[in-house]
Each structure stands twice: as structure tokens, then as C-alpha cells.
């Protein structure tokens, strides 16, 4: 038997080898390529959808363009932000800070809870300063009204009323008569005039002069009605009617 010079490809008694499958039909390679493609799609979608946050956008507008990956977005910040905003508003109400202040009217735009707390702390400080400045301005305006020449005359008359009843009554009655009937009560002196009539009514009560005390209290109510809002007019009319129906008989000594 002649031996071949080269080994046989398929020697006798040996099973032939299965042919190697081409690369495009390899299941392992196809699975690996599929994973790579999915990861690339996720990366491209993530970076293409990342935009600058619009401060004027509402939560409903952001949810209208939802996608199949919306469940991946975190929701703890939105829930914590609402709770923090509610607590912030309750604390502002307890502190007596009006919600119509300029500092509290600005919306809170924060990326996380830490930044939201910082912005709210700044808002609280600015609102406190705003309320304090407004209160100081009102005090300065009241001080300027009380230091006007006519107000100083009324205050001197009230002091004289406390020192000597008879002379003080005459002086205060004359000044109030000039203010209300001759010159007309200006809004600048209204607070002092109301206080003067109230003091005069108490002196009339001590001197057992109920008719004059009743007239003085009616003047107080009429002046306070002028300063009150129009919606409170019926209430003041009812109070004035009750005072007019009171008995003005002198008390027995």
C-alpha cells in the first residue's frame, strides 16, 4: 500500500468536521452587537434630550412630552420640594409675613432641595426686611402727622384737659369746633381728632354730662367711619344708631 506524502484531509474512520458558520450568522456575535446598539441608542437619546431648563415651564408641560424612559426620571425631588414649599408658607404665615411682599412673590427655581432651602432662607430674610422697612415708614408718617402745627395744638389742649377740666374742656371744644366746622378735618389730623374727642367724652362722663359725652362719642364714630373701608359702612351705621338710642339722662349722685 502506498502511503500518501501529505496527511489526508478526511482520513478513513474519522468523522468529517462540521463547516464553520460565517460571522454574520454567529449568535454570540449578534447578541453582543445588539447590546452595543442598545447602549448607543440610550446614550444618544440622553444627550439629545438634555436641554436648558425653562423657568416658565410648568410641570404639566414637561410631562406632556413623556417617553418610554420616563420611569427612569427621579421623583423624590419634586415630592420633597412640594412639602418644603408648604412648610415654608406655613412658617411665613406664623411669622406674620404677608405673602404679597415682593420677596415672597418671586417663584423658587432650584435644582435640588439644598438650593431650594437656601433660596427660601434668603426670601425669608428679604421679606422680614421689607415688612420692617414698611412698618418703619408708617411710623415715620404717623410721627410727621402728629408733629404738624394743628396736631400739636390738639395735643396741648388734651394735656390741658388732663390738668384742669374746665379750662381744658373749653380750649379743646374751641379747637375741635374750628377743625371740624370752620376748617374741616384734614386726613392728616384725623387720628389726633379722634383721640381728642374720645378724651373729651371720658371727661364728660366723669363730670356727669351724658348728653355731651354722647355727642362726643358720636363724633368719634363718624370720624372712624370716614377712615374705614366702604364695605364696613353698614356696621358703623348700626353702631352709630345704637349710640343714638342710648339714654342721656344724668346719673343720680
Protein backbone atom coordinates (compact mmCIF):
# COMPACT_ATOMS: atom_id res chain seq x y z
CA UNK A 1 0.00 0.00 0.00
CA UNK A 2 1.35 3.35 -0.98
CA UNK A 3 1.40 5.96 1.81
CA UNK A 4 0.46 9.46 0.80
CA UNK A 5 3.07 12.17 1.04
CA UNK A 6 0.63 14.56 2.87
CA UNK A 7 -1.90 13.69 5.57
CA UNK A 8 -5.36 13.16 4.29
CA UNK A 9 -7.99 15.83 4.98
CA UNK A 10 -10.53 13.18 5.85
CA UNK A 11 -8.66 10.01 6.84
CA UNK A 12 -10.63 6.78 6.80
CA UNK A 13 -12.61 6.13 10.01
CA UNK A 14 -12.73 9.81 11.12
CA UNK A 15 -15.92 11.84 11.00
CA UNK A 16 -15.74 14.92 8.83
CA UNK A 17 -15.64 18.27 10.72
CA UNK A 18 -18.66 20.50 10.57
CA UNK A 19 -18.18 23.58 8.41
CA UNK A 20 -17.51 26.85 10.31
CA UNK A 21 -20.53 29.21 10.29
CA UNK A 22 -19.95 32.69 8.81
CA UNK A 23 -19.63 35.68 11.18
CA UNK A 24 -22.99 37.23 10.28
CA UNK A 25 -24.68 34.01 11.44
CA UNK A 26 -22.80 33.69 14.77
CA UNK A 27 -25.41 34.01 17.59
CA UNK A 28 -22.87 35.18 20.19
CA UNK A 29 -21.60 37.95 17.95
CA UNK A 30 -25.15 39.01 17.08
CA UNK A 31 -26.07 39.26 20.79
CA UNK A 32 -23.00 41.36 21.60
CA UNK A 33 -23.70 43.73 18.70
CA UNK A 34 -27.32 44.09 19.80
CA UNK A 35 -26.25 45.17 23.31
CA UNK A 36 -23.82 47.72 21.87
CA UNK A 37 -26.53 49.17 19.62
CA UNK A 38 -28.99 49.47 22.55
CA UNK A 39 -26.39 51.26 24.69
CA UNK A 40 -25.61 53.67 21.85
CA UNK A 41 -29.31 54.46 21.40
CA UNK A 42 -29.66 55.19 25.13
CA UNK A 43 -26.62 57.49 25.15
CA UNK A 44 -27.77 59.39 22.06
CA UNK A 45 -31.29 59.80 23.47
CA UNK A 46 -29.99 61.01 26.82
CA UNK A 47 -27.72 63.71 25.41
CA UNK A 48 -30.16 64.79 22.72
CA UNK A 49 -32.98 65.32 25.25
CA UNK A 50 -30.86 67.29 27.75
CA UNK A 51 -31.83 70.96 27.37
CA UNK A 52 -31.66 74.18 29.36
CA UNK A 53 -34.42 74.23 31.98
CA UNK A 54 -37.13 76.74 31.16
CA UNK A 55 -38.12 78.58 34.38
CA UNK A 56 -41.55 79.44 32.95
CA UNK A 57 -42.38 75.85 32.05
CA UNK A 58 -44.99 74.11 34.16
CA UNK A 59 -44.79 70.51 35.37
CA UNK A 60 -47.67 69.57 33.07
CA UNK A 61 -45.78 70.90 30.06
CA UNK A 62 -42.75 68.82 30.93
CA UNK A 63 -44.84 65.68 31.30
CA UNK A 64 -46.70 66.09 28.02
CA UNK A 65 -43.63 65.02 26.05
CA UNK A 66 -43.06 61.83 28.04
CA UNK A 67 -41.14 58.90 26.61
CA UNK A 68 -40.67 55.23 27.26
CA UNK A 69 -37.78 56.08 29.61
CA UNK A 70 -39.83 58.43 31.79
CA UNK A 71 -39.86 55.89 34.61
CA UNK A 72 -36.09 56.41 34.93
CA UNK A 73 -36.55 60.05 36.00
CA UNK A 74 -36.30 60.68 39.77
CA UNK A 75 -39.44 61.88 41.57
CA UNK A 76 -38.14 62.33 45.14
CA UNK A 77 -37.06 65.92 44.49
CA UNK A 78 -40.48 67.02 43.22
CA UNK A 79 -42.27 65.45 46.20
CA UNK A 80 -39.78 66.88 48.71
CA UNK A 81 -39.96 70.27 47.02
CA UNK A 82 -43.75 70.45 47.43
CA UNK A 83 -43.53 69.50 51.12
CA UNK A 84 -40.79 72.08 51.70
CA UNK A 85 -42.80 74.79 49.93
CA UNK A 86 -45.87 74.02 52.08
CA UNK A 87 -43.86 74.20 55.31
CA UNK A 88 -42.25 77.43 54.12
CA UNK A 89 -45.64 79.08 53.51
CA UNK A 90 -46.95 77.93 56.91
CA UNK A 91 -43.88 79.34 58.64
CA UNK A 92 -44.29 82.66 56.82
CA UNK A 93 -47.90 82.86 57.99
CA UNK A 94 -46.89 82.21 61.62
CA UNK A 95 -44.24 84.95 61.41
CA UNK A 96 -46.84 87.40 60.13
CA UNK A 97 -45.05 87.98 56.83
CA UNK A 98 -47.55 88.89 54.15
CA UNK A 99 -47.48 86.72 51.05
CA UNK A 100 -47.94 89.80 48.87
CA UNK A 101 -44.45 91.06 49.71
CA UNK A 102 -42.13 91.40 46.75
CA UNK A 103 -39.64 88.87 48.12
CA UNK A 104 -42.24 86.12 48.52
CA UNK A 105 -43.94 86.79 45.19
CA UNK A 106 -40.93 85.57 43.22
CA UNK A 107 -41.08 81.84 42.27
CA UNK A 108 -38.50 79.45 43.70
CA UNK A 109 -36.36 77.88 40.95
CA UNK A 110 -33.96 75.30 42.32
CA UNK A 111 -32.18 72.21 41.04
CA UNK A 112 -32.29 70.31 44.33
CA UNK A 113 -33.64 70.56 47.87
CA UNK A 114 -30.45 72.09 49.22
CA UNK A 115 -30.61 75.01 46.81
CA UNK A 116 -34.35 75.39 47.47
CA UNK A 117 -33.72 75.70 51.22
CA UNK A 118 -31.06 78.33 50.57
CA UNK A 119 -33.38 80.36 48.32
CA UNK A 120 -36.21 80.15 50.85
CA UNK A 121 -33.93 81.33 53.66
CA UNK A 122 -32.96 84.35 51.53
CA UNK A 123 -36.64 85.01 50.79
CA UNK A 124 -37.47 84.90 54.50
CA UNK A 125 -34.73 87.43 55.28
CA UNK A 126 -35.76 89.77 52.46
CA UNK A 127 -39.46 89.57 53.41
CA UNK A 128 -38.63 90.37 57.05
CA UNK A 129 -36.58 93.38 55.97
CA UNK A 130 -39.35 94.54 53.65
CA UNK A 131 -42.01 94.32 56.38
CA UNK A 132 -39.71 96.07 58.88
CA UNK A 133 -38.99 98.89 56.41
CA UNK A 134 -42.69 99.30 55.69
CA UNK A 135 -43.50 99.43 59.41
CA UNK A 136 -40.75 101.99 59.98
CA UNK A 137 -42.07 104.10 57.12
CA UNK A 138 -45.59 104.03 58.58
CA UNK A 139 -44.22 105.11 61.96
CA UNK A 140 -42.35 107.99 60.36
CA UNK A 141 -45.50 109.10 58.54
CA UNK A 142 -47.52 108.92 61.77
CA UNK A 143 -44.84 110.89 63.62
CA UNK A 144 -44.87 113.58 60.94
CA UNK A 145 -48.67 113.81 61.16
CA UNK A 146 -48.60 114.09 64.94
CA UNK A 147 -45.95 116.81 64.76
CA UNK A 148 -47.93 119.08 62.44
CA UNK A 149 -48.88 122.50 63.88
CA UNK A 150 -52.58 121.69 64.19
CA UNK A 151 -51.86 118.33 65.81
CA UNK A 152 -49.55 119.99 68.32
CA UNK A 153 -52.34 122.39 69.26
CA UNK A 154 -54.72 119.50 69.85
CA UNK A 155 -52.15 117.65 71.95
CA UNK A 156 -51.61 120.74 74.09
CA UNK A 157 -55.36 121.01 74.56
CA UNK A 158 -55.57 117.36 75.61
CA UNK A 159 -52.77 117.92 78.14
CA UNK A 160 -54.65 120.95 79.47
CA UNK A 161 -57.78 118.81 79.67
CA UNK A 162 -55.97 116.42 82.00
CA UNK A 163 -54.52 119.24 84.14
CA UNK A 164 -57.68 121.33 84.63
CA UNK A 165 -61.03 120.05 83.46
CA UNK A 166 -62.93 123.30 82.96
CA UNK A 167 -60.27 125.27 81.09
CA UNK A 168 -59.20 122.18 79.17
CA UNK A 169 -62.75 121.45 78.06
CA UNK A 170 -63.23 124.99 76.80
CA UNK A 171 -59.92 125.01 74.93
CA UNK A 172 -60.45 121.58 73.38
CA UNK A 173 -64.05 122.32 72.39
CA UNK A 174 -62.92 125.50 70.64
CA UNK A 175 -60.15 123.74 68.72
CA UNK A 176 -62.38 120.86 67.67
CA UNK A 177 -65.05 123.30 66.57
CA UNK A 178 -62.51 125.07 64.37
CA UNK A 179 -61.17 121.81 62.96
CA UNK A 180 -64.49 120.23 62.07
CA UNK A 181 -66.77 123.13 61.20
CA UNK A 182 -64.59 126.10 60.26
CA UNK A 183 -61.60 124.48 58.52
CA UNK A 184 -62.75 120.90 58.01
CA UNK A 185 -60.91 117.92 59.43
CA UNK A 186 -57.95 117.01 57.26
CA UNK A 187 -56.95 113.38 56.95
CA UNK A 188 -53.56 114.30 58.36
CA UNK A 189 -55.08 115.29 61.74
CA UNK A 190 -57.81 112.65 61.83
CA UNK A 191 -56.10 110.35 64.35
CA UNK A 192 -55.45 113.17 66.80
CA UNK A 193 -59.01 114.50 66.45
CA UNK A 194 -60.47 111.06 67.18
CA UNK A 195 -58.29 110.75 70.27
CA UNK A 196 -59.26 114.26 71.37
CA UNK A 197 -62.99 113.51 71.10
CA UNK A 198 -62.53 110.25 72.99
CA UNK A 199 -60.69 112.05 75.80
CA UNK A 200 -63.35 114.75 75.88
CA UNK A 201 -66.13 112.15 76.11
CA UNK A 202 -64.46 110.50 79.12
CA UNK A 203 -64.19 113.86 80.88
CA UNK A 204 -67.89 114.49 80.21
CA UNK A 205 -68.70 111.12 81.77
CA UNK A 206 -66.69 111.96 84.89
CA UNK A 207 -68.49 115.30 85.18
CA UNK A 208 -71.89 113.56 84.76
CA UNK A 209 -72.67 115.27 81.45
CA UNK A 210 -74.15 112.34 79.45
CA UNK A 211 -75.60 114.41 76.62
CA UNK A 212 -72.24 115.97 75.78
CA UNK A 213 -70.49 112.61 76.24
CA UNK A 214 -72.96 111.03 73.83
CA UNK A 215 -72.30 113.74 71.22
CA UNK A 216 -68.54 113.29 71.62
CA UNK A 217 -68.78 109.52 71.12
CA UNK A 218 -70.98 110.03 68.06
CA UNK A 219 -68.31 112.33 66.61
CA UNK A 220 -65.72 109.61 67.27
CA UNK A 221 -67.81 107.02 65.43
CA UNK A 222 -68.50 109.33 62.48
CA UNK A 223 -64.80 110.12 62.10
CA UNK A 224 -63.83 106.45 62.31
CA UNK A 225 -66.45 105.63 59.68
CA UNK A 226 -64.76 108.10 57.32
CA UNK A 227 -61.45 106.29 57.77
CA UNK A 228 -62.93 102.78 57.42
CA UNK A 229 -63.41 101.00 54.06
CA UNK A 230 -66.74 101.38 52.29
CA UNK A 231 -67.57 97.73 52.96
CA UNK A 232 -67.68 98.48 56.71
CA UNK A 233 -70.10 101.39 56.31
CA UNK A 234 -73.25 99.43 57.34
CA UNK A 235 -71.53 98.19 60.50
CA UNK A 236 -70.59 101.72 61.54
CA UNK A 237 -74.13 102.95 60.77
CA UNK A 238 -75.53 100.25 63.06
CA UNK A 239 -73.09 101.22 65.83
CA UNK A 240 -73.97 104.91 65.47
CA UNK A 241 -77.68 104.07 65.63
CA UNK A 242 -77.14 102.11 68.85
CA UNK A 243 -75.31 105.05 70.45
CA UNK A 244 -78.06 107.48 69.40
CA UNK A 245 -80.66 105.30 71.13
CA UNK A 246 -78.80 105.33 74.44
CA UNK A 247 -80.35 107.25 77.27
CA UNK A 248 -78.70 110.59 78.00
CA UNK A 249 -80.19 111.16 81.46
CA UNK A 250 -77.68 112.17 84.15
CA UNK A 251 -76.72 109.60 86.74
CA UNK A 252 -78.01 110.05 90.25
CA UNK A 253 -75.28 111.14 92.67
